[in-house]
Amino acid sequence: MKEIAQIRKLSLGIFIIPLLGINLCLFISQNPEFLENTFFAVDQIGRSGFSIPYLDGSLSISRASRTFPQYLIFKPAMFLTALLLFFYWKNNNELVNNLNSSNLTYKFKTFGILSAVFLVIHSILLGVKFDIQIYKLFRRVVLLLFIVFEIIAQGILVYHFYKLKLKLEKFINKKILILKIILVTILALVGILSLPILLSKGNTHFKHALEWNYFVGVIMFYLFSRFFWKRTT
């Protein structure tokens, strides 16, 4: 199946590109001296001391990525990731249709493409300054919708593959399917349980640490997808 080969390639890109993007922005934020006295000198707001935000939540992905020159890395990386997401969900829809001998637009494709759209909108808005409360709320809602739609799409897709596991037996690694189910379940539970803390004031370091780790958790789904499908000719 040609879709499987495409999905394997897309999955690796969706994992690597954003992971490299946010961590390169973090590196620049913590090591601004490398670009000092150049055109790409790091904005003061985007500078930070050494830390491991995955553990201590010392800064957010937004702060590490929204100023010059980090946004020159972050925005293109997210735009490219969104494009790959579009083709990822499109190819999975075609694959499931082939297996079911149907011609439908499954809900996981709809939610997956919507998540890609909101990722693009979030990337465009990042770093744009408007001192209007409704704008700040809108930006948070866009980011939340990206995460929610992404988790819903992943959950529905895993459900379909679980139902089709007998038809897919020659093409998949069943152990990775179990890992994908566990990952999506953990992401959903963590999101729900953390919601009261995220909606309350304070707990800034916890929120930042959760942001970094949750983002990696979301894209881990695509790393698992790379190994979920066996190589085809």
Protein backbone atom coordinates (compact mmCIF):
# COMPACT_ATOMS: atom_id res chain seq x y z
CA MET A 1 0.00 0.00 0.00
CA LYS A 2 1.51 3.29 -1.11
CA GLU A 3 -0.18 5.15 1.77
CA ILE A 4 1.87 3.22 4.32
CA ALA A 5 5.17 4.30 2.81
CA GLN A 6 3.97 7.92 2.76
CA ILE A 7 2.70 7.76 6.34
CA ARG A 8 6.06 6.40 7.58
CA LYS A 9 7.92 9.29 5.95
CA LEU A 10 5.45 11.94 7.11
CA SER A 11 5.47 10.60 10.68
CA LEU A 12 9.21 11.00 11.03
CA GLY A 13 9.08 14.57 9.73
CA ILE A 14 6.22 15.53 12.05
CA PHE A 15 8.26 14.29 15.01
CA ILE A 16 11.70 15.64 14.12
CA ILE A 17 10.90 19.10 12.71
CA PRO A 18 8.98 20.58 15.68
CA LEU A 19 11.25 18.85 18.21
CA LEU A 20 14.35 20.38 16.63
CA GLY A 21 12.55 23.70 16.19
CA ILE A 22 11.57 24.29 19.82
CA ASN A 23 14.86 23.01 21.22
CA LEU A 24 16.94 25.09 18.82
CA CYS A 25 14.95 28.14 19.94
CA LEU A 26 15.66 27.13 23.54
CA PHE A 27 19.38 26.81 22.79
CA ILE A 28 19.50 30.28 21.21
CA SER A 29 17.55 31.74 24.12
CA GLN A 30 20.05 30.34 26.60
CA ASN A 31 23.17 31.08 24.52
CA PRO A 32 22.60 34.55 22.99
CA GLU A 33 26.35 35.30 23.01
CA PHE A 34 26.82 33.15 19.92
CA LEU A 35 24.84 35.70 17.89
CA GLU A 36 26.04 38.84 19.64
CA ASN A 37 27.19 41.69 17.38
CA THR A 38 25.51 40.12 14.36
CA PHE A 39 22.32 40.90 12.48
CA PHE A 40 20.72 38.00 14.38
CA ALA A 41 21.42 39.39 17.87
CA VAL A 42 18.87 37.91 20.28
CA ASP A 43 16.14 40.20 21.58
CA GLN A 44 16.45 40.86 25.33
CA ILE A 45 13.00 39.42 26.05
CA GLY A 46 14.00 36.16 24.37
CA ARG A 47 17.12 35.66 26.50
CA SER A 48 17.28 33.35 29.50
CA GLY A 49 19.82 31.66 31.71
CA PHE A 50 20.59 27.97 31.51
CA SER A 51 17.81 25.72 32.71
CA ILE A 52 15.97 22.56 31.78
CA PRO A 53 12.38 23.77 31.31
CA TYR A 54 11.17 20.19 30.90
CA LEU A 55 12.01 19.79 34.61
CA ASP A 56 11.91 23.23 36.23
CA GLY A 57 9.48 25.11 33.97
CA SER A 58 11.73 28.17 34.04
CA LEU A 59 10.36 29.53 30.75
CA SER A 60 7.61 28.79 28.28
CA ILE A 61 7.91 27.63 24.67
CA SER A 62 6.35 30.96 23.73
CA ARG A 63 9.02 33.03 25.46
CA ALA A 64 11.80 30.92 23.95
CA SER A 65 10.33 31.20 20.45
CA ARG A 66 8.37 34.43 19.95
CA THR A 67 11.18 37.00 19.65
CA PHE A 68 13.80 37.66 16.99
CA PRO A 69 15.62 35.62 15.74
CA GLN A 70 14.00 32.53 17.28
CA TYR A 71 10.72 33.08 15.45
CA LEU A 72 12.63 32.72 12.17
CA ILE A 73 13.06 29.09 13.20
CA PHE A 74 9.86 28.44 15.10
CA LYS A 75 7.30 29.78 12.63
CA PRO A 76 8.64 27.99 9.50
CA ALA A 77 9.04 24.79 11.52
CA MET A 78 5.42 24.93 12.67
CA PHE A 79 4.15 25.85 9.18
CA LEU A 80 6.00 22.88 7.69
CA THR A 81 4.75 20.61 10.47
CA ALA A 82 1.16 21.72 9.78
CA LEU A 83 1.60 20.92 6.08
CA LEU A 84 2.93 17.46 6.90
CA LEU A 85 0.02 16.96 9.31
CA PHE A 86 -2.44 17.70 6.51
CA PHE A 87 -0.93 15.00 4.30
CA TYR A 88 -0.57 12.60 7.24
CA TRP A 89 -4.28 12.69 8.05
CA LYS A 90 -5.22 12.65 4.36
CA ASN A 91 -3.14 9.51 3.73
CA ASN A 92 -4.55 7.78 6.82
CA ASN A 93 -8.07 8.54 5.61
CA GLU A 94 -7.28 7.00 2.22
CA LEU A 95 -5.70 3.97 3.89
CA VAL A 96 -8.72 3.27 6.10
CA ASN A 97 -11.00 3.74 3.09
CA ASN A 98 -8.99 1.15 1.16
CA LEU A 99 -9.24 -1.30 4.04
CA ASN A 100 -12.99 -0.76 4.45
CA SER A 101 -13.71 -0.52 0.69
CA SER A 102 -15.36 2.83 1.30
CA ASN A 103 -15.04 6.45 0.25
CA LEU A 104 -15.63 8.45 3.42
CA THR A 105 -14.10 11.40 5.20
CA TYR A 106 -13.50 10.00 8.66
CA LYS A 107 -13.69 12.18 11.76
CA PHE A 108 -9.99 11.71 12.52
CA LYS A 109 -9.14 13.41 9.22
CA THR A 110 -11.42 16.35 10.01
CA PHE A 111 -10.04 16.83 13.52
CA GLY A 112 -6.47 16.24 12.36
CA ILE A 113 -6.65 18.87 9.63
CA LEU A 114 -8.35 21.30 12.01
CA SER A 115 -5.48 20.82 14.48
CA ALA A 116 -3.03 21.67 11.68
CA VAL A 117 -5.03 24.82 10.85
CA PHE A 118 -4.96 25.99 14.47
CA LEU A 119 -1.23 25.27 14.68
CA VAL A 120 -0.72 27.63 11.74
CA ILE A 121 -2.94 30.31 13.32
CA HIS A 122 -1.08 29.99 16.63
CA SER A 123 2.28 30.33 14.86
CA ILE A 124 1.11 33.45 13.01
CA LEU A 125 -0.16 35.07 16.22
CA LEU A 126 2.95 34.22 18.25
CA GLY A 127 4.93 37.38 18.90
CA VAL A 128 2.22 39.72 17.59
CA LYS A 129 1.54 42.26 20.33
CA PHE A 130 -1.89 43.68 21.05
CA ASP A 131 -2.64 44.96 24.53
CA ILE A 132 -6.22 43.73 24.33
CA GLN A 133 -7.52 41.12 26.76
CA ILE A 134 -9.79 39.44 24.17
CA TYR A 135 -6.79 38.97 21.85
CA LYS A 136 -4.80 37.23 24.59
CA LEU A 137 -7.78 34.99 25.30
CA PHE A 138 -8.20 34.21 21.59
CA ARG A 139 -4.54 33.19 21.34
CA ARG A 140 -4.90 30.80 24.29
CA VAL A 141 -8.09 29.34 22.82
CA VAL A 142 -6.36 28.72 19.48
CA LEU A 143 -3.54 26.83 21.21
CA LEU A 144 -6.04 24.85 23.27
CA LEU A 145 -8.03 23.90 20.16
CA PHE A 146 -4.86 22.68 18.44
CA ILE A 147 -4.15 20.35 21.37
CA VAL A 148 -7.75 19.18 21.83
CA PHE A 149 -8.31 18.44 18.14
CA GLU A 150 -4.94 16.71 17.88
CA ILE A 151 -5.69 14.37 20.79
CA ILE A 152 -9.20 13.63 19.47
CA ALA A 153 -7.82 12.85 16.00
CA GLN A 154 -5.13 10.58 17.44
CA GLY A 155 -7.64 8.78 19.65
CA ILE A 156 -10.13 8.15 16.82
CA LEU A 157 -7.39 6.95 14.47
CA VAL A 158 -6.03 4.50 17.05
CA TYR A 159 -9.58 3.23 17.61
CA HIS A 160 -9.97 2.54 13.88
CA PHE A 161 -6.65 0.73 13.69
CA TYR A 162 -7.57 -1.38 16.71
CA LYS A 163 -10.79 -2.44 14.98
CA LEU A 164 -8.84 -3.22 11.79
CA LYS A 165 -5.92 -4.98 13.49
CA LEU A 166 -6.72 -8.35 11.90
CA LYS A 167 -6.72 -6.87 8.40
CA LEU A 168 -3.53 -4.97 9.20
CA GLU A 169 -1.76 -7.92 10.83
CA LYS A 170 0.88 -8.18 8.06
CA PHE A 171 1.59 -4.46 8.05
CA ILE A 172 1.76 -3.36 11.69
CA ASN A 173 3.62 -3.92 14.92
CA LYS A 174 0.94 -4.78 17.47
CA LYS A 175 3.14 -3.79 20.41
CA ILE A 176 3.44 -0.27 19.03
CA LEU A 177 -0.35 -0.16 18.66
CA ILE A 178 -0.63 -0.81 22.40
CA LEU A 179 1.94 1.94 23.08
CA LYS A 180 -0.06 4.37 20.94
CA ILE A 181 -3.23 3.54 22.88
CA ILE A 182 -1.40 4.05 26.20
CA LEU A 183 0.13 7.34 25.00
CA VAL A 184 -3.17 8.82 23.81
CA THR A 185 -4.88 7.72 27.05
CA ILE A 186 -2.17 9.36 29.17
CA LEU A 187 -2.31 12.58 27.14
CA ALA A 188 -6.08 12.75 27.51
CA LEU A 189 -6.00 12.05 31.25
CA VAL A 190 -3.17 14.51 31.93
CA GLY A 191 -4.98 17.18 29.95
CA ILE A 192 -8.24 16.69 31.85
CA LEU A 193 -6.61 16.45 35.30
CA SER A 194 -4.40 19.50 34.67
CA LEU A 195 -7.23 21.70 33.43
CA PRO A 196 -8.15 23.14 36.88
CA ILE A 197 -4.52 24.14 37.47
CA LEU A 198 -4.15 25.61 33.99
CA LEU A 199 -7.29 27.72 34.45
CA SER A 200 -6.17 29.05 37.84
CA LYS A 201 -3.65 31.78 38.49
CA GLY A 202 -0.13 30.96 39.62
CA ASN A 203 1.66 27.61 39.27
CA THR A 204 3.64 29.18 36.42
CA HIS A 205 6.58 26.79 36.56
CA PHE A 206 4.28 23.77 36.59
CA LYS A 207 2.39 25.11 33.57
CA HIS A 208 5.61 25.75 31.63
CA ALA A 209 7.05 22.30 32.42
CA LEU A 210 3.75 20.70 31.43
CA GLU A 211 3.77 22.68 28.18
CA TRP A 212 7.21 21.38 27.12
CA ASN A 213 6.55 17.78 28.11
CA TYR A 214 3.01 17.71 26.73
CA PHE A 215 4.16 19.01 23.37
CA VAL A 216 6.78 16.25 23.17
CA GLY A 217 4.13 13.73 24.21
CA VAL A 218 1.84 14.84 21.38
CA ILE A 219 4.53 14.48 18.71
CA MET A 220 5.70 11.15 20.21
CA PHE A 221 2.54 9.74 18.65
CA TYR A 222 4.13 10.30 15.25
CA LEU A 223 7.42 8.68 16.24
CA PHE A 224 5.39 5.63 17.25
CA SER A 225 3.62 5.81 13.88
CA ARG A 226 6.99 5.50 12.16
CA PHE A 227 7.61 2.17 13.88
CA PHE A 228 3.96 1.09 13.90
CA TRP A 229 4.02 0.41 10.17
CA LYS A 230 6.36 -2.22 8.79
CA ARG A 231 8.45 -1.29 5.80
CA THR A 232 6.65 -1.97 2.52
CA THR A 233 7.93 -2.29 -1.05
